[in-house]
PDB file of N, CA and C in Angstrom:
ATOM      1  N   MET A   1     -29.103 -87.491 -36.353  1.00  0.00           N
ATOM      2  CA  MET A   1     -30.535 -87.460 -36.499  1.00  0.00           C
ATOM      3  C   MET A   1     -31.201 -86.393 -35.583  1.00  0.00           C
ATOM      4  N   ALA A   2     -31.984 -85.568 -36.120  1.00  0.00           N
ATOM      5  CA  ALA A   2     -32.546 -84.510 -35.316  1.00  0.00           C
ATOM      6  C   ALA A   2     -33.626 -85.124 -34.488  1.00  0.00           C
ATOM      7  N   ARG A   3     -33.730 -84.423 -33.191  1.00  0.00           N
ATOM      8  CA  ARG A   3     -34.788 -84.951 -32.331  1.00  0.00           C
ATOM      9  C   ARG A   3     -36.186 -84.369 -32.849  1.00  0.00           C
ATOM     10  N   PRO A   4     -37.225 -85.131 -32.563  1.00  0.00           N
ATOM     11  CA  PRO A   4     -38.625 -84.631 -32.996  1.00  0.00           C
ATOM     12  C   PRO A   4     -39.007 -83.443 -32.224  1.00  0.00           C
ATOM     13  N   LEU A   5     -39.670 -82.571 -32.740  1.00  0.00           N
ATOM     14  CA  LEU A   5     -40.193 -81.330 -32.091  1.00  0.00           C
ATOM     15  C   LEU A   5     -41.330 -81.641 -31.007  1.00  0.00           C
ATOM     16  N   SER A   6     -41.178 -81.045 -29.980  1.00  0.00           N
ATOM     17  CA  SER A   6     -42.155 -81.245 -28.826  1.00  0.00           C
ATOM     18  C   SER A   6     -43.460 -80.325 -29.048  1.00  0.00           C
ATOM     19  N   GLU A   7     -44.640 -80.992 -29.196  1.00  0.00           N
ATOM     20  CA  GLU A   7     -45.753 -80.315 -29.298  1.00  0.00           C
ATOM     21  C   GLU A   7     -46.131 -79.557 -28.174  1.00  0.00           C
ATOM     22  N   GLU A   8     -45.677 -80.007 -26.886  1.00  0.00           N
ATOM     23  CA  GLU A   8     -45.941 -79.275 -25.757  1.00  0.00           C
ATOM     24  C   GLU A   8     -45.121 -77.893 -25.641  1.00  0.00           C
ATOM     25  N   LYS A   9     -44.002 -77.966 -26.140  1.00  0.00           N
ATOM     26  CA  LYS A   9     -43.158 -76.718 -26.235  1.00  0.00           C
ATOM     27  C   LYS A   9     -43.698 -75.770 -27.387  1.00  0.00           C
ATOM     28  N   ARG A  10     -44.274 -76.265 -28.488  1.00  0.00           N
ATOM     29  CA  ARG A  10     -44.916 -75.514 -29.524  1.00  0.00           C
ATOM     30  C   ARG A  10     -46.089 -74.818 -28.896  1.00  0.00           C
ATOM     31  N   VAL A  11     -46.877 -75.516 -28.128  1.00  0.00           N
ATOM     32  CA  VAL A  11     -48.084 -74.899 -27.576  1.00  0.00           C
ATOM     33  C   VAL A  11     -47.650 -73.941 -26.497  1.00  0.00           C
ATOM     34  N   SER A  12     -46.612 -74.107 -25.731  1.00  0.00           N
ATOM     35  CA  SER A  12     -46.223 -73.159 -24.698  1.00  0.00           C
ATOM     36  C   SER A  12     -45.773 -71.802 -25.358  1.00  0.00           C
ATOM     37  N   ILE A  13     -45.054 -71.883 -26.487  1.00  0.00           N
ATOM     38  CA  ILE A  13     -44.663 -70.811 -27.376  1.00  0.00           C
ATOM     39  C   ILE A  13     -45.835 -69.975 -27.721  1.00  0.00           C
ATOM     40  N   LEU A  14     -46.855 -70.658 -28.285  1.00  0.00           N
ATOM     41  CA  LEU A  14     -48.103 -70.067 -28.810  1.00  0.00           C
ATOM     42  C   LEU A  14     -48.824 -69.390 -27.565  1.00  0.00           C
ATOM     43  N   ASP A  15     -48.912 -70.084 -26.587  1.00  0.00           N
ATOM     44  CA  ASP A  15     -49.581 -69.667 -25.371  1.00  0.00           C
ATOM     45  C   ASP A  15     -48.915 -68.323 -24.890  1.00  0.00           C
ATOM     46  N   ALA A  16     -47.574 -68.217 -24.687  1.00  0.00           N
ATOM     47  CA  ALA A  16     -46.772 -67.055 -24.327  1.00  0.00           C
ATOM     48  C   ALA A  16     -47.026 -65.982 -25.316  1.00  0.00           C
ATOM     49  N   ALA A  17     -46.993 -66.259 -26.502  1.00  0.00           N
ATOM     50  CA  ALA A  17     -47.219 -65.291 -27.570  1.00  0.00           C
ATOM     51  C   ALA A  17     -48.561 -64.692 -27.465  1.00  0.00           C
ATOM     52  N   THR A  18     -49.511 -65.442 -27.177  1.00  0.00           N
ATOM     53  CA  THR A  18     -50.896 -65.054 -26.914  1.00  0.00           C
ATOM     54  C   THR A  18     -51.013 -63.916 -25.902  1.00  0.00           C
ATOM     55  N   VAL A  19     -50.422 -64.304 -24.813  1.00  0.00           N
ATOM     56  CA  VAL A  19     -50.449 -63.377 -23.515  1.00  0.00           C
ATOM     57  C   VAL A  19     -49.657 -62.083 -23.903  1.00  0.00           C
ATOM     58  N   LEU A  20     -48.489 -62.281 -24.481  1.00  0.00           N
ATOM     59  CA  LEU A  20     -47.709 -60.898 -24.695  1.00  0.00           C
ATOM     60  C   LEU A  20     -48.374 -60.052 -25.759  1.00  0.00           C
ATOM     61  N   ILE A  21     -48.793 -60.692 -26.835  1.00  0.00           N
ATOM     62  CA  ILE A  21     -49.490 -59.918 -27.921  1.00  0.00           C
ATOM     63  C   ILE A  21     -50.706 -59.234 -27.377  1.00  0.00           C
ATOM     64  N   ALA A  22     -51.364 -59.845 -26.479  1.00  0.00           N
ATOM     65  CA  ALA A  22     -52.729 -59.269 -25.919  1.00  0.00           C
ATOM     66  C   ALA A  22     -52.219 -58.069 -25.077  1.00  0.00           C
ATOM     67  N   GLU A  23     -51.184 -58.187 -24.363  1.00  0.00           N
ATOM     68  CA  GLU A  23     -50.627 -57.073 -23.500  1.00  0.00           C
ATOM     69  C   GLU A  23     -49.927 -55.971 -24.242  1.00  0.00           C
ATOM     70  N   GLN A  24     -49.084 -56.289 -25.196  1.00  0.00           N
ATOM     71  CA  GLN A  24     -48.216 -55.428 -25.740  1.00  0.00           C
ATOM     72  C   GLN A  24     -48.429 -55.074 -27.247  1.00  0.00           C
ATOM     73  N   GLY A  25     -49.222 -56.030 -27.927  1.00  0.00           N
ATOM     74  CA  GLY A  25     -49.465 -55.737 -29.433  1.00  0.00           C
ATOM     75  C   GLY A  25     -48.477 -56.624 -30.218  1.00  0.00           C
ATOM     76  N   LEU A  26     -48.662 -56.506 -31.527  1.00  0.00           N
ATOM     77  CA  LEU A  26     -47.867 -57.439 -32.334  1.00  0.00           C
ATOM     78  C   LEU A  26     -46.478 -57.122 -32.521  1.00  0.00           C
ATOM     79  N   ASN A  27     -45.944 -55.992 -32.026  1.00  0.00           N
ATOM     80  CA  ASN A  27     -44.658 -55.584 -32.063  1.00  0.00           C
ATOM     81  C   ASN A  27     -43.798 -56.247 -30.934  1.00  0.00           C
ATOM     82  N   VAL A  28     -44.381 -57.127 -30.120  1.00  0.00           N
ATOM     83  CA  VAL A  28     -43.584 -57.651 -29.050  1.00  0.00           C
ATOM     84  C   VAL A  28     -42.479 -58.543 -29.693  1.00  0.00           C
ATOM     85  N   SER A  29     -41.320 -58.560 -28.995  1.00  0.00           N
ATOM     86  CA  SER A  29     -40.218 -59.220 -29.576  1.00  0.00           C
ATOM     87  C   SER A  29     -40.215 -60.768 -29.335  1.00  0.00           C
ATOM     88  N   THR A  30     -39.605 -61.455 -30.141  1.00  0.00           N
ATOM     89  CA  THR A  30     -39.585 -62.885 -29.932  1.00  0.00           C
ATOM     90  C   THR A  30     -38.672 -63.293 -28.719  1.00  0.00           C
ATOM     91  N   SER A  31     -37.719 -62.400 -28.370  1.00  0.00           N
ATOM     92  CA  SER A  31     -36.938 -62.562 -27.162  1.00  0.00           C
ATOM     93  C   SER A  31     -37.781 -62.478 -25.982  1.00  0.00           C
ATOM     94  N   LYS A  32     -38.767 -61.553 -25.899  1.00  0.00           N
ATOM     95  CA  LYS A  32     -39.704 -61.532 -24.738  1.00  0.00           C
ATOM     96  C   LYS A  32     -40.534 -62.880 -24.670  1.00  0.00           C
ATOM     97  N   ILE A  33     -40.977 -63.359 -25.804  1.00  0.00           N
ATOM     98  CA  ILE A  33     -41.802 -64.515 -25.784  1.00  0.00           C
ATOM     99  C   ILE A  33     -40.891 -65.743 -25.329  1.00  0.00           C
ATOM    100  N   ALA A  34     -39.698 -65.754 -25.818  1.00  0.00           N
ATOM    101  CA  ALA A  34     -38.724 -66.796 -25.339  1.00  0.00           C
ATOM    102  C   ALA A  34     -38.554 -66.710 -23.799  1.00  0.00           C
ATOM    103  N   ARG A  35     -38.400 -65.570 -23.268  1.00  0.00           N
ATOM    104  CA  ARG A  35     -38.114 -65.406 -21.832  1.00  0.00           C
ATOM    105  C   ARG A  35     -39.343 -66.019 -20.990  1.00  0.00           C
ATOM    106  N   LEU A  36     -40.551 -65.712 -21.563  1.00  0.00           N
ATOM    107  CA  LEU A  36     -41.716 -66.139 -20.893  1.00  0.00           C
ATOM    108  C   LEU A  36     -41.813 -67.618 -20.831  1.00  0.00           C
ATOM    109  N   VAL A  37     -41.378 -68.289 -21.978  1.00  0.00           N
ATOM    110  CA  VAL A  37     -41.377 -69.707 -21.992  1.00  0.00           C
ATOM    111  C   VAL A  37     -40.215 -70.404 -21.386  1.00  0.00           C
ATOM    112  N   LYS A  38     -39.258 -69.609 -21.121  1.00  0.00           N
ATOM    113  CA  LYS A  38     -37.918 -70.105 -20.599  1.00  0.00           C
ATOM    114  C   LYS A  38     -37.211 -70.934 -21.609  1.00  0.00           C
ATOM    115  N   VAL A  39     -37.102 -70.445 -22.776  1.00  0.00           N
ATOM    116  CA  VAL A  39     -36.379 -71.161 -23.711  1.00  0.00           C
ATOM    117  C   VAL A  39     -35.536 -70.113 -24.437  1.00  0.00           C
ATOM    118  N   SER A  40     -34.513 -70.583 -25.260  1.00  0.00           N
ATOM    119  CA  SER A  40     -33.627 -69.546 -25.934  1.00  0.00           C
ATOM    120  C   SER A  40     -34.479 -69.073 -27.081  1.00  0.00           C
ATOM    121  N   GLU A  41     -34.181 -67.799 -27.718  1.00  0.00           N
ATOM    122  CA  GLU A  41     -34.878 -67.293 -28.760  1.00  0.00           C
ATOM    123  C   GLU A  41     -34.810 -68.141 -29.960  1.00  0.00           C
ATOM    124  N   GLY A  42     -33.536 -68.767 -30.101  1.00  0.00           N
ATOM    125  CA  GLY A  42     -33.455 -69.686 -31.275  1.00  0.00           C
ATOM    126  C   GLY A  42     -34.420 -70.889 -31.241  1.00  0.00           C
ATOM    127  N   THR A  43     -34.811 -71.219 -30.166  1.00  0.00           N
ATOM    128  CA  THR A  43     -35.802 -72.325 -30.003  1.00  0.00           C
ATOM    129  C   THR A  43     -37.176 -71.970 -30.700  1.00  0.00           C
ATOM    130  N   ILE A  44     -37.459 -70.732 -30.506  1.00  0.00           N
ATOM    131  CA  ILE A  44     -38.778 -70.219 -31.242  1.00  0.00           C
ATOM    132  C   ILE A  44     -38.628 -70.564 -32.780  1.00  0.00           C
ATOM    133  N   PHE A  45     -37.335 -70.207 -33.300  1.00  0.00           N
ATOM    134  CA  PHE A  45     -37.121 -70.370 -34.724  1.00  0.00           C
ATOM    135  C   PHE A  45     -37.034 -71.776 -35.170  1.00  0.00           C
ATOM    136  N   THR A  46     -36.870 -72.661 -34.225  1.00  0.00           N
ATOM    137  CA  THR A  46     -36.899 -74.057 -34.524  1.00  0.00           C
ATOM    138  C   THR A  46     -38.257 -74.558 -34.825  1.00  0.00           C
ATOM    139  N   TYR A  47     -39.230 -73.914 -34.188  1.00  0.00           N
ATOM    140  CA  TYR A  47     -40.682 -74.163 -34.279  1.00  0.00           C
ATOM    141  C   TYR A  47     -41.319 -73.442 -35.299  1.00  0.00           C
ATOM    142  N   PHE A  48     -40.920 -72.234 -35.538  1.00  0.00           N
ATOM    143  CA  PHE A  48     -41.555 -71.334 -36.541  1.00  0.00           C
ATOM    144  C   PHE A  48     -40.442 -70.666 -37.277  1.00  0.00           C
ATOM    145  N   GLN A  49     -40.573 -70.601 -38.630  1.00  0.00           N
ATOM    146  CA  GLN A  49     -39.522 -70.097 -39.555  1.00  0.00           C
ATOM    147  C   GLN A  49     -39.254 -68.668 -39.180  1.00  0.00           C
ATOM    148  N   ASN A  50     -40.174 -67.822 -38.949  1.00  0.00           N
ATOM    149  CA  ASN A  50     -40.008 -66.428 -38.527  1.00  0.00           C
ATOM    150  C   ASN A  50     -41.186 -65.910 -37.689  1.00  0.00           C
ATOM    151  N   LYS A  51     -41.133 -64.750 -37.297  1.00  0.00           N
ATOM    152  CA  LYS A  51     -42.158 -64.194 -36.503  1.00  0.00           C
ATOM    153  C   LYS A  51     -43.505 -64.147 -37.195  1.00  0.00           C
ATOM    154  N   ASP A  52     -43.550 -63.860 -38.495  1.00  0.00           N
ATOM    155  CA  ASP A  52     -44.823 -63.870 -39.292  1.00  0.00           C
ATOM    156  C   ASP A  52     -45.463 -65.118 -39.163  1.00  0.00           C
ATOM    157  N   GLU A  53     -44.592 -66.218 -39.291  1.00  0.00           N
ATOM    158  CA  GLU A  53     -45.220 -67.596 -39.256  1.00  0.00           C
ATOM    159  C   GLU A  53     -45.771 -67.854 -37.861  1.00  0.00           C
ATOM    160  N   LEU A  54     -45.054 -67.452 -36.887  1.00  0.00           N
ATOM    161  CA  LEU A  54     -45.587 -67.514 -35.450  1.00  0.00           C
ATOM    162  C   LEU A  54     -46.841 -67.008 -35.335  1.00  0.00           C
ATOM    163  N   ILE A  55     -47.037 -65.684 -35.755  1.00  0.00           N
ATOM    164  CA  ILE A  55     -48.293 -64.937 -35.611  1.00  0.00           C
ATOM    165  C   ILE A  55     -49.442 -65.544 -36.450  1.00  0.00           C
ATOM    166  N   ASN A  56     -49.112 -66.101 -37.616  1.00  0.00           N
ATOM    167  CA  ASN A  56     -50.030 -66.735 -38.340  1.00  0.00           C
ATOM    168  C   ASN A  56     -50.644 -68.004 -37.883  1.00  0.00           C
ATOM    169  N   GLN A  57     -49.733 -68.931 -37.223  1.00  0.00           N
ATOM    170  CA  GLN A  57     -49.959 -70.095 -36.508  1.00  0.00           C
ATOM    171  C   GLN A  57     -50.834 -69.783 -35.310  1.00  0.00           C
ATOM    172  N   LEU A  58     -50.540 -68.668 -34.666  1.00  0.00           N
ATOM    173  CA  LEU A  58     -51.275 -68.351 -33.527  1.00  0.00           C
ATOM    174  C   LEU A  58     -52.734 -68.060 -33.818  1.00  0.00           C
ATOM    175  N   TYR A  59     -52.838 -67.180 -34.918  1.00  0.00           N
ATOM    176  CA  TYR A  59     -54.230 -66.889 -35.514  1.00  0.00           C
ATOM    177  C   TYR A  59     -54.952 -68.082 -35.803  1.00  0.00           C
ATOM    178  N   LEU A  60     -54.354 -69.037 -36.482  1.00  0.00           N
ATOM    179  CA  LEU A  60     -55.091 -70.286 -36.913  1.00  0.00           C
ATOM    180  C   LEU A  60     -55.501 -71.072 -35.585  1.00  0.00           C
ATOM    181  N   ASP A  61     -54.612 -71.179 -34.603  1.00  0.00           N
ATOM    182  CA  ASP A  61     -54.870 -71.867 -33.433  1.00  0.00           C
ATOM    183  C   ASP A  61     -55.993 -71.264 -32.634  1.00  0.00           C
ATOM    184  N   ILE A  62     -56.015 -69.916 -32.592  1.00  0.00           N
ATOM    185  CA  ILE A  62     -57.072 -69.249 -31.842  1.00  0.00           C
ATOM    186  C   ILE A  62     -58.471 -69.505 -32.547  1.00  0.00           C
ATOM    187  N   LYS A  63     -58.354 -69.375 -33.952  1.00  0.00           N
ATOM    188  CA  LYS A  63     -59.570 -69.594 -34.751  1.00  0.00           C
ATOM    189  C   LYS A  63     -60.101 -71.072 -34.623  1.00  0.00           C
ATOM    190  N   GLU A  64     -59.210 -71.935 -34.635  1.00  0.00           N
ATOM    191  CA  GLU A  64     -59.579 -73.360 -34.422  1.00  0.00           C
ATOM    192  C   GLU A  64     -60.284 -73.608 -33.130  1.00  0.00           C
ATOM    193  N   LYS A  65     -59.652 -73.038 -32.005  1.00  0.00           N
ATOM    194  CA  LYS A  65     -60.288 -73.238 -30.707  1.00  0.00           C
ATOM    195  C   LYS A  65     -61.657 -72.596 -30.526  1.00  0.00           C
ATOM    196  N   LEU A  66     -61.847 -71.386 -31.253  1.00  0.00           N
ATOM    197  CA  LEU A  66     -63.172 -70.725 -31.256  1.00  0.00           C
ATOM    198  C   LEU A  66     -64.106 -71.668 -32.063  1.00  0.00           C
ATOM    199  N   ARG A  67     -63.835 -72.159 -33.156  1.00  0.00           N
ATOM    200  CA  ARG A  67     -64.642 -73.054 -33.988  1.00  0.00           C
ATOM    201  C   ARG A  67     -65.087 -74.187 -33.102  1.00  0.00           C
ATOM    202  N   GLU A  68     -64.104 -74.783 -32.474  1.00  0.00           N
ATOM    203  CA  GLU A  68     -64.458 -76.101 -31.673  1.00  0.00           C
ATOM    204  C   GLU A  68     -65.446 -75.692 -30.548  1.00  0.00           C
ATOM    205  N   SER A  69     -65.337 -74.575 -29.938  1.00  0.00           N
ATOM    206  CA  SER A  69     -66.109 -74.138 -28.874  1.00  0.00           C
ATOM    207  C   SER A  69     -67.454 -73.820 -29.245  1.00  0.00           C
ATOM    208  N   LEU A  70     -67.661 -73.451 -30.563  1.00  0.00           N
ATOM    209  CA  LEU A  70     -68.930 -73.115 -31.055  1.00  0.00           C
ATOM    210  C   LEU A  70     -69.683 -74.251 -31.559  1.00  0.00           C
ATOM    211  N   VAL A  71     -69.137 -75.349 -31.683  1.00  0.00           N
ATOM    212  CA  VAL A  71     -69.865 -76.477 -32.301  1.00  0.00           C
ATOM    213  C   VAL A  71     -70.839 -76.907 -31.337  1.00  0.00           C
ATOM    214  N   ILE A  72     -72.064 -77.186 -31.665  1.00  0.00           N
ATOM    215  CA  ILE A  72     -73.196 -77.658 -30.893  1.00  0.00           C
ATOM    216  C   ILE A  72     -73.208 -79.202 -31.102  1.00  0.00           C
ATOM    217  N   HIS A  73     -73.015 -79.929 -30.061  1.00  0.00           N
ATOM    218  CA  HIS A  73     -72.975 -81.323 -30.171  1.00  0.00           C
ATOM    219  C   HIS A  73     -74.356 -82.015 -30.383  1.00  0.00           C
ATOM    220  N   SER A  74     -75.316 -81.427 -30.032  1.00  0.00           N
ATOM    221  CA  SER A  74     -76.595 -82.079 -30.153  1.00  0.00           C
ATOM    222  C   SER A  74     -77.396 -81.353 -31.273  1.00  0.00           C
ATOM    223  N   GLN A  75     -77.760 -81.962 -32.299  1.00  0.00           N
ATOM    224  CA  GLN A  75     -78.479 -81.529 -33.454  1.00  0.00           C
ATOM    225  C   GLN A  75     -79.952 -81.503 -33.189  1.00  0.00           C
ATOM    226  N   LYS A  76     -80.381 -82.140 -32.109  1.00  0.00           N
ATOM    227  CA  LYS A  76     -81.817 -82.153 -31.773  1.00  0.00           C
ATOM    228  C   LYS A  76     -82.443 -81.006 -31.166  1.00  0.00           C
ATOM    229  N   ILE A  77     -81.519 -80.069 -30.902  1.00  0.00           N
ATOM    230  CA  ILE A  77     -81.812 -78.701 -30.100  1.00  0.00           C
ATOM    231  C   ILE A  77     -82.431 -77.857 -31.190  1.00  0.00           C
ATOM    232  N   GLU A  78     -83.583 -77.100 -30.924  1.00  0.00           N
ATOM    233  CA  GLU A  78     -84.176 -76.223 -31.911  1.00  0.00           C
ATOM    234  C   GLU A  78     -83.147 -74.980 -32.206  1.00  0.00           C
ATOM    235  N   LEU A  79     -83.326 -74.316 -33.295  1.00  0.00           N
ATOM    236  CA  LEU A  79     -82.497 -73.265 -33.698  1.00  0.00           C
ATOM    237  C   LEU A  79     -82.264 -72.152 -32.725  1.00  0.00           C
ATOM    238  N   GLN A  80     -83.328 -71.721 -32.092  1.00  0.00           N
ATOM    239  CA  GLN A  80     -83.195 -70.668 -31.159  1.00  0.00           C
ATOM    240  C   GLN A  80     -82.306 -71.070 -29.999  1.00  0.00           C
ATOM    241  N   LYS A  81     -82.481 -72.330 -29.471  1.00  0.00           N
ATOM    242  CA  LYS A  81     -81.677 -72.702 -28.418  1.00  0.00           C
ATOM    243  C   LYS A  81     -80.137 -72.928 -28.848  1.00  0.00           C
ATOM    244  N   GLN A  82     -79.933 -73.367 -29.982  1.00  0.00           N
ATOM    245  CA  GLN A  82     -78.647 -73.473 -30.551  1.00  0.00           C
ATOM    246  C   GLN A  82     -77.944 -72.106 -30.522  1.00  0.00           C
ATOM    247  N   VAL A  83     -78.721 -71.094 -31.107  1.00  0.00           N
ATOM    248  CA  VAL A  83     -78.098 -69.689 -31.117  1.00  0.00           C
ATOM    249  C   VAL A  83     -77.768 -69.183 -29.795  1.00  0.00           C
ATOM    250  N   GLN A  84     -78.665 -69.339 -28.886  1.00  0.00           N
ATOM    251  CA  GLN A  84     -78.509 -68.960 -27.531  1.00  0.00           C
ATOM    252  C   GLN A  84     -77.246 -69.768 -26.815  1.00  0.00           C
ATOM    253  N   GLU A  85     -77.077 -71.005 -27.198  1.00  0.00           N
ATOM    254  CA  GLU A  85     -75.979 -71.632 -26.510  1.00  0.00           C
ATOM    255  C   GLU A  85     -74.570 -71.205 -27.217  1.00  0.00           C
ATOM    256  N   VAL A  86     -74.525 -70.976 -28.576  1.00  0.00           N
ATOM    257  CA  VAL A  86     -73.375 -70.506 -29.083  1.00  0.00           C
ATOM    258  C   VAL A  86     -73.118 -69.079 -28.607  1.00  0.00           C
ATOM    259  N   TRP A  87     -74.100 -68.345 -28.352  1.00  0.00           N
ATOM    260  CA  TRP A  87     -73.818 -66.908 -27.765  1.00  0.00           C
ATOM    261  C   TRP A  87     -73.143 -67.098 -26.408  1.00  0.00           C
ATOM    262  N   LYS A  88     -73.752 -68.007 -25.510  1.00  0.00           N
ATOM    263  CA  LYS A  88     -73.129 -68.175 -24.237  1.00  0.00           C
ATOM    264  C   LYS A  88     -71.662 -68.573 -24.286  1.00  0.00           C
ATOM    265  N   ILE A  89     -71.495 -69.584 -25.175  1.00  0.00           N
ATOM    266  CA  ILE A  89     -70.028 -70.081 -25.265  1.00  0.00           C
ATOM    267  C   ILE A  89     -69.134 -68.883 -25.824  1.00  0.00           C
ATOM    268  N   TYR A  90     -69.575 -68.189 -26.699  1.00  0.00           N
ATOM    269  CA  TYR A  90     -68.756 -67.069 -27.220  1.00  0.00           C
ATOM    270  C   TYR A  90     -68.364 -66.075 -26.219  1.00  0.00           C
ATOM    271  N   ILE A  91     -69.504 -65.716 -25.443  1.00  0.00           N
ATOM    272  CA  ILE A  91     -69.266 -64.638 -24.328  1.00  0.00           C
ATOM    273  C   ILE A  91     -68.360 -65.256 -23.384  1.00  0.00           C
ATOM    274  N   ASN A  92     -68.507 -66.447 -22.894  1.00  0.00           N
ATOM    275  CA  ASN A  92     -67.481 -67.043 -22.023  1.00  0.00           C
ATOM    276  C   ASN A  92     -65.995 -67.155 -22.489  1.00  0.00           C
TER     277      ASN A  92
END
């Protein structure tokens, strides 16, 4: 029976990919990502079918974090204040 995949390791892979892609672009190798996470390159392919899937999941993860950060929790704030708050969050 296969062990369940670790969400913590998956997040670590995505975090390392974020750093390296920001520094080196999309052509960064999966072996460099694996070295940063301190796992074997094969481990990356346990979590992601291929590099394209890794990049797509990274995009979705970043997009979701941005969406969560832009949500205004109080609907009683007037529109101008909401827009200002969203702008501050986006800039940070």
